[in-house]
């Protein structure tokens, strides 16, 4: 039975920092961080770690990687919020807890894994971009019928905001709650339990 206690455990794992390592071929928890190997053939990146790939395959019910390569270029892992640019600064202030499952999703490869990012990793601005392009029948969004379907598929909480680091953190926590309460929550709990992360 998927209880409130298990739901809270899922939420906690979804918010735990992920570190990718090439040292081992497994997933484990150490010093309040989750360490993961990476089969995706590219530079080490938490949002394409083996741990993240399994998460995507559970929540989207779709295979993401085969033989180290992305199967469908419209389904590539990416970090949702990464931080903000402060007025007058050229360097982004990074969101400290950005590398966690609740802040990862799959979007078209050209929007995330390539550098041509619409709206530079700001969640609310990217959603505006999607809303405009999904209605124009952009081929990158063929798997979604409309913007509402995109939001449901992506487990987007209401009122996401990326304008400040605090707003980004709140949006990430709200997505963790939404995922934990959803019909995939129990599957996530089993996956986390199988990897001794609870």
C-alpha atoms as a PDB file:
ATOM      1  CA  UNK A   1       0.000   0.000   0.000  1.00  0.00           C
ATOM      2  CA  UNK A   2       1.280   3.462  -0.954  1.00  0.00           C
ATOM      3  CA  UNK A   3       0.998   5.407   2.306  1.00  0.00           C
ATOM      4  CA  UNK A   4       1.580   9.067   3.247  1.00  0.00           C
ATOM      5  CA  UNK A   5       4.904   7.976   4.780  1.00  0.00           C
ATOM      6  CA  UNK A   6       6.015   6.427   1.479  1.00  0.00           C
ATOM      7  CA  UNK A   7       4.806   9.524  -0.363  1.00  0.00           C
ATOM      8  CA  UNK A   8       6.999  11.709   1.875  1.00  0.00           C
ATOM      9  CA  UNK A   9       9.963   9.361   1.265  1.00  0.00           C
ATOM     10  CA  UNK A  10       9.472   9.721  -2.509  1.00  0.00           C
ATOM     11  CA  UNK A  11       9.314  13.506  -2.151  1.00  0.00           C
ATOM     12  CA  UNK A  12      12.569  13.507  -0.171  1.00  0.00           C
ATOM     13  CA  UNK A  13      14.415  11.412  -2.780  1.00  0.00           C
ATOM     14  CA  UNK A  14      13.065  13.618  -5.588  1.00  0.00           C
ATOM     15  CA  UNK A  15      14.682  16.612  -3.848  1.00  0.00           C
ATOM     16  CA  UNK A  16      18.031  14.930  -3.102  1.00  0.00           C
ATOM     17  CA  UNK A  17      21.111  16.201  -4.945  1.00  0.00           C
ATOM     18  CA  UNK A  18      22.489  13.889  -7.654  1.00  0.00           C
ATOM     19  CA  UNK A  19      26.186  13.532  -8.417  1.00  0.00           C
ATOM     20  CA  UNK A  20      27.346  11.647 -11.525  1.00  0.00           C
ATOM     21  CA  UNK A  21      30.433   9.517 -11.161  1.00  0.00           C
ATOM     22  CA  UNK A  22      32.459   7.461 -13.595  1.00  0.00           C
ATOM     23  CA  UNK A  23      34.075   5.614 -10.673  1.00  0.00           C
ATOM     24  CA  UNK A  24      31.295   3.024 -10.213  1.00  0.00           C
ATOM     25  CA  UNK A  25      28.494   1.377 -12.167  1.00  0.00           C
ATOM     26  CA  UNK A  26      25.645   1.711  -9.723  1.00  0.00           C
ATOM     27  CA  UNK A  27      23.418   4.080  -7.759  1.00  0.00           C
ATOM     28  CA  UNK A  28      23.940   4.733  -4.057  1.00  0.00           C
ATOM     29  CA  UNK A  29      23.399   7.323  -1.349  1.00  0.00           C
ATOM     30  CA  UNK A  30      26.324   8.837   0.563  1.00  0.00           C
ATOM     31  CA  UNK A  31      26.489  12.000   2.709  1.00  0.00           C
ATOM     32  CA  UNK A  32      22.921  13.021   1.786  1.00  0.00           C
ATOM     33  CA  UNK A  33      23.614  12.875  -1.965  1.00  0.00           C
ATOM     34  CA  UNK A  34      22.718  10.266  -4.560  1.00  0.00           C
ATOM     35  CA  UNK A  35      25.610   9.075  -6.714  1.00  0.00           C
ATOM     36  CA  UNK A  36      24.906   7.569 -10.115  1.00  0.00           C
ATOM     37  CA  UNK A  37      26.738   6.116 -13.073  1.00  0.00           C
ATOM     38  CA  UNK A  38      25.949   7.334 -16.598  1.00  0.00           C
ATOM     39  CA  UNK A  39      25.450   5.147 -19.675  1.00  0.00           C
ATOM     40  CA  UNK A  40      24.593   8.079 -21.965  1.00  0.00           C
ATOM     41  CA  UNK A  41      27.659   8.669 -24.142  1.00  0.00           C
ATOM     42  CA  UNK A  42      28.448  12.300 -23.469  1.00  0.00           C
ATOM     43  CA  UNK A  43      29.976  14.418 -20.734  1.00  0.00           C
ATOM     44  CA  UNK A  44      28.855  13.544 -17.217  1.00  0.00           C
ATOM     45  CA  UNK A  45      25.565  15.305 -16.498  1.00  0.00           C
ATOM     46  CA  UNK A  46      23.158  14.585 -13.603  1.00  0.00           C
ATOM     47  CA  UNK A  47      20.061  15.038 -15.787  1.00  0.00           C
ATOM     48  CA  UNK A  48      21.282  12.226 -18.066  1.00  0.00           C
ATOM     49  CA  UNK A  49      22.626   9.966 -15.308  1.00  0.00           C
ATOM     50  CA  UNK A  50      21.399   6.368 -15.130  1.00  0.00           C
ATOM     51  CA  UNK A  51      19.346   7.346 -12.068  1.00  0.00           C
ATOM     52  CA  UNK A  52      17.626  10.171 -13.979  1.00  0.00           C
ATOM     53  CA  UNK A  53      17.054   7.999 -17.079  1.00  0.00           C
ATOM     54  CA  UNK A  54      15.229   5.355 -15.008  1.00  0.00           C
ATOM     55  CA  UNK A  55      13.153   8.155 -13.416  1.00  0.00           C
ATOM     56  CA  UNK A  56      12.158   9.435 -16.882  1.00  0.00           C
ATOM     57  CA  UNK A  57      11.259   5.938 -18.043  1.00  0.00           C
ATOM     58  CA  UNK A  58       8.962   5.549 -15.025  1.00  0.00           C
ATOM     59  CA  UNK A  59       7.167   8.893 -15.240  1.00  0.00           C
ATOM     60  CA  UNK A  60       6.876   9.055 -19.044  1.00  0.00           C
ATOM     61  CA  UNK A  61       6.483   5.282 -19.561  1.00  0.00           C
ATOM     62  CA  UNK A  62       8.908   5.469 -22.480  1.00  0.00           C
ATOM     63  CA  UNK A  63      12.422   4.160 -23.130  1.00  0.00           C
ATOM     64  CA  UNK A  64      14.877   7.078 -23.349  1.00  0.00           C
ATOM     65  CA  UNK A  65      18.339   5.580 -24.019  1.00  0.00           C
ATOM     66  CA  UNK A  66      19.551   2.618 -26.078  1.00  0.00           C
ATOM     67  CA  UNK A  67      23.228   1.679 -26.448  1.00  0.00           C
ATOM     68  CA  UNK A  68      24.263   4.979 -24.870  1.00  0.00           C
ATOM     69  CA  UNK A  69      22.254   7.109 -27.345  1.00  0.00           C
ATOM     70  CA  UNK A  70      18.995   9.059 -27.110  1.00  0.00           C
ATOM     71  CA  UNK A  71      16.249   7.092 -28.891  1.00  0.00           C
ATOM     72  CA  UNK A  72      13.817   9.936 -29.666  1.00  0.00           C
ATOM     73  CA  UNK A  73      15.278  13.438 -30.045  1.00  0.00           C
ATOM     74  CA  UNK A  74      12.027  14.882 -28.647  1.00  0.00           C
ATOM     75  CA  UNK A  75      12.747  13.098 -25.346  1.00  0.00           C
ATOM     76  CA  UNK A  76      16.101  14.210 -23.906  1.00  0.00           C
ATOM     77  CA  UNK A  77      16.764  14.847 -20.226  1.00  0.00           C
ATOM     78  CA  UNK A  78      17.346  18.408 -19.099  1.00  0.00           C
ATOM     79  CA  UNK A  79      17.490  20.509 -15.936  1.00  0.00           C
ATOM     80  CA  UNK A  80      14.439  22.763 -15.596  1.00  0.00           C
ATOM     81  CA  UNK A  81      15.709  25.653 -13.445  1.00  0.00           C
ATOM     82  CA  UNK A  82      19.428  26.370 -13.167  1.00  0.00           C
ATOM     83  CA  UNK A  83      19.545  29.785 -11.515  1.00  0.00           C
ATOM     84  CA  UNK A  84      19.126  33.436 -12.413  1.00  0.00           C
ATOM     85  CA  UNK A  85      21.058  36.308 -13.913  1.00  0.00           C
ATOM     86  CA  UNK A  86      21.227  39.194 -11.451  1.00  0.00           C
ATOM     87  CA  UNK A  87      20.845  42.685 -12.856  1.00  0.00           C
ATOM     88  CA  UNK A  88      24.209  44.005 -14.012  1.00  0.00           C
ATOM     89  CA  UNK A  89      25.955  40.614 -13.759  1.00  0.00           C
ATOM     90  CA  UNK A  90      27.149  38.519 -16.676  1.00  0.00           C
ATOM     91  CA  UNK A  91      27.451  35.284 -14.727  1.00  0.00           C
ATOM     92  CA  UNK A  92      24.451  33.236 -13.653  1.00  0.00           C
ATOM     93  CA  UNK A  93      23.839  32.749  -9.931  1.00  0.00           C
ATOM     94  CA  UNK A  94      23.363  28.978  -9.761  1.00  0.00           C
ATOM     95  CA  UNK A  95      20.491  27.359  -7.907  1.00  0.00           C
ATOM     96  CA  UNK A  96      22.236  25.294  -5.231  1.00  0.00           C
ATOM     97  CA  UNK A  97      19.913  22.271  -5.259  1.00  0.00           C
ATOM     98  CA  UNK A  98      19.301  22.235  -9.023  1.00  0.00           C
ATOM     99  CA  UNK A  99      20.531  18.683  -9.674  1.00  0.00           C
ATOM    100  CA  UNK A 100      17.598  16.682  -8.298  1.00  0.00           C
ATOM    101  CA  UNK A 101      14.931  14.561 -10.004  1.00  0.00           C
ATOM    102  CA  UNK A 102      12.150  17.048  -9.199  1.00  0.00           C
ATOM    103  CA  UNK A 103      14.045  19.581 -11.333  1.00  0.00           C
ATOM    104  CA  UNK A 104      14.588  17.238 -14.313  1.00  0.00           C
ATOM    105  CA  UNK A 105      12.318  16.574 -17.283  1.00  0.00           C
ATOM    106  CA  UNK A 106      12.530  15.445 -20.887  1.00  0.00           C
ATOM    107  CA  UNK A 107      12.107  18.029 -23.610  1.00  0.00           C
ATOM    108  CA  UNK A 108      13.174  18.199 -27.261  1.00  0.00           C
ATOM    109  CA  UNK A 109      16.941  17.767 -27.605  1.00  0.00           C
ATOM    110  CA  UNK A 110      17.311  21.047 -29.514  1.00  0.00           C
ATOM    111  CA  UNK A 111      15.737  22.947 -26.606  1.00  0.00           C
ATOM    112  CA  UNK A 112      17.733  21.438 -23.776  1.00  0.00           C
ATOM    113  CA  UNK A 113      20.869  19.479 -24.589  1.00  0.00           C
ATOM    114  CA  UNK A 114      21.943  21.898 -27.330  1.00  0.00           C
ATOM    115  CA  UNK A 115      22.941  25.402 -26.368  1.00  0.00           C
ATOM    116  CA  UNK A 116      20.073  27.058 -28.254  1.00  0.00           C
ATOM    117  CA  UNK A 117      17.857  27.110 -25.183  1.00  0.00           C
ATOM    118  CA  UNK A 118      14.646  29.067 -25.420  1.00  0.00           C
ATOM    119  CA  UNK A 119      14.530  31.412 -22.453  1.00  0.00           C
ATOM    120  CA  UNK A 120      17.767  30.120 -20.857  1.00  0.00           C
ATOM    121  CA  UNK A 121      16.411  27.516 -18.423  1.00  0.00           C
ATOM    122  CA  UNK A 122      13.700  29.670 -16.882  1.00  0.00           C
ATOM    123  CA  UNK A 123      10.759  27.344 -16.281  1.00  0.00           C
ATOM    124  CA  UNK A 124       7.901  29.839 -16.670  1.00  0.00           C
ATOM    125  CA  UNK A 125       9.463  31.445 -19.761  1.00  0.00           C
ATOM    126  CA  UNK A 126      10.046  28.057 -21.410  1.00  0.00           C
ATOM    127  CA  UNK A 127       6.409  27.150 -20.717  1.00  0.00           C
ATOM    128  CA  UNK A 128       5.321  30.344 -22.513  1.00  0.00           C
ATOM    129  CA  UNK A 129       7.527  29.300 -25.436  1.00  0.00           C
ATOM    130  CA  UNK A 130       5.913  25.833 -25.468  1.00  0.00           C
ATOM    131  CA  UNK A 131       2.411  27.299 -25.280  1.00  0.00           C
ATOM    132  CA  UNK A 132       3.084  29.439 -28.364  1.00  0.00           C
ATOM    133  CA  UNK A 133       4.775  26.669 -30.346  1.00  0.00           C
ATOM    134  CA  UNK A 134       2.544  23.755 -29.413  1.00  0.00           C
ATOM    135  CA  UNK A 135      -0.453  25.637 -30.785  1.00  0.00           C
ATOM    136  CA  UNK A 136       1.501  26.218 -34.007  1.00  0.00           C
ATOM    137  CA  UNK A 137       1.942  22.428 -34.308  1.00  0.00           C
ATOM    138  CA  UNK A 138       5.701  22.492 -33.830  1.00  0.00           C
ATOM    139  CA  UNK A 139       6.997  19.009 -34.749  1.00  0.00           C
ATOM    140  CA  UNK A 140       9.032  18.942 -31.508  1.00  0.00           C
ATOM    141  CA  UNK A 141       5.786  18.630 -29.552  1.00  0.00           C
ATOM    142  CA  UNK A 142       4.002  15.967 -31.627  1.00  0.00           C
ATOM    143  CA  UNK A 143       3.553  13.710 -28.591  1.00  0.00           C
ATOM    144  CA  UNK A 144       1.349  16.317 -26.856  1.00  0.00           C
ATOM    145  CA  UNK A 145      -2.146  17.229 -28.058  1.00  0.00           C
ATOM    146  CA  UNK A 146      -2.105  20.703 -26.553  1.00  0.00           C
ATOM    147  CA  UNK A 147      -0.468  22.804 -23.849  1.00  0.00           C
ATOM    148  CA  UNK A 148      -2.681  21.362 -21.097  1.00  0.00           C
ATOM    149  CA  UNK A 149      -1.581  17.850 -22.120  1.00  0.00           C
ATOM    150  CA  UNK A 150       2.071  18.986 -22.038  1.00  0.00           C
ATOM    151  CA  UNK A 151       1.654  20.294 -18.470  1.00  0.00           C
ATOM    152  CA  UNK A 152      -0.007  17.070 -17.297  1.00  0.00           C
ATOM    153  CA  UNK A 153       2.633  14.880 -18.992  1.00  0.00           C
ATOM    154  CA  UNK A 154       5.434  16.948 -17.433  1.00  0.00           C
ATOM    155  CA  UNK A 155       3.864  17.076 -13.932  1.00  0.00           C
ATOM    156  CA  UNK A 156       3.886  20.880 -13.929  1.00  0.00           C
ATOM    157  CA  UNK A 157       2.496  22.368 -10.700  1.00  0.00           C
ATOM    158  CA  UNK A 158       0.303  25.467 -10.767  1.00  0.00           C
ATOM    159  CA  UNK A 159       1.872  28.919 -10.662  1.00  0.00           C
ATOM    160  CA  UNK A 160       5.489  28.038 -11.470  1.00  0.00           C
ATOM    161  CA  UNK A 161       7.815  30.995 -11.232  1.00  0.00           C
ATOM    162  CA  UNK A 162      11.501  31.304 -12.091  1.00  0.00           C
ATOM    163  CA  UNK A 163      12.069  34.978 -11.334  1.00  0.00           C
ATOM    164  CA  UNK A 164      14.083  34.424  -8.129  1.00  0.00           C
ATOM    165  CA  UNK A 165      16.060  31.539  -6.641  1.00  0.00           C
ATOM    166  CA  UNK A 166      13.419  31.246  -3.901  1.00  0.00           C
ATOM    167  CA  UNK A 167      10.620  30.985  -6.486  1.00  0.00           C
ATOM    168  CA  UNK A 168      12.584  28.334  -8.372  1.00  0.00           C
ATOM    169  CA  UNK A 169      13.045  26.306  -5.168  1.00  0.00           C
ATOM    170  CA  UNK A 170       9.324  26.548  -4.351  1.00  0.00           C
ATOM    171  CA  UNK A 171       8.398  25.379  -7.875  1.00  0.00           C
ATOM    172  CA  UNK A 172      10.787  22.412  -7.595  1.00  0.00           C
ATOM    173  CA  UNK A 173       9.342  21.408  -4.194  1.00  0.00           C
ATOM    174  CA  UNK A 174       5.802  21.699  -5.565  1.00  0.00           C
ATOM    175  CA  UNK A 175       6.712  19.430  -8.484  1.00  0.00           C
ATOM    176  CA  UNK A 176       8.185  16.877  -6.054  1.00  0.00           C
ATOM    177  CA  UNK A 177       4.872  16.880  -4.129  1.00  0.00           C
ATOM    178  CA  UNK A 178       2.876  16.533  -7.350  1.00  0.00           C
ATOM    179  CA  UNK A 179       5.003  13.596  -8.543  1.00  0.00           C
ATOM    180  CA  UNK A 180       4.855  11.879  -5.136  1.00  0.00           C
ATOM    181  CA  UNK A 181       1.039  12.192  -5.003  1.00  0.00           C
ATOM    182  CA  UNK A 182       0.545  11.063  -8.620  1.00  0.00           C
ATOM    183  CA  UNK A 183      -0.163   7.579  -9.937  1.00  0.00           C
ATOM    184  CA  UNK A 184       3.588   7.083 -10.568  1.00  0.00           C
ATOM    185  CA  UNK A 185       4.442   7.758  -6.909  1.00  0.00           C
ATOM    186  CA  UNK A 186       4.258   4.096  -5.889  1.00  0.00           C
ATOM    187  CA  UNK A 187       6.419   3.051  -8.872  1.00  0.00           C
ATOM    188  CA  UNK A 188       8.998   5.661  -7.889  1.00  0.00           C
ATOM    189  CA  UNK A 189       8.916   4.391  -4.300  1.00  0.00           C
ATOM    190  CA  UNK A 190       9.631   0.823  -5.478  1.00  0.00           C
ATOM    191  CA  UNK A 191      12.493   2.033  -7.704  1.00  0.00           C
ATOM    192  CA  UNK A 192      14.015   4.059  -4.859  1.00  0.00           C
ATOM    193  CA  UNK A 193      13.576   1.151  -2.422  1.00  0.00           C
ATOM    194  CA  UNK A 194      15.235  -1.271  -4.890  1.00  0.00           C
ATOM    195  CA  UNK A 195      18.258   1.054  -4.926  1.00  0.00           C
ATOM    196  CA  UNK A 196      18.343   1.375  -1.098  1.00  0.00           C
ATOM    197  CA  UNK A 197      17.708   5.124  -1.232  1.00  0.00           C
ATOM    198  CA  UNK A 198      14.917   5.288   1.366  1.00  0.00           C
END
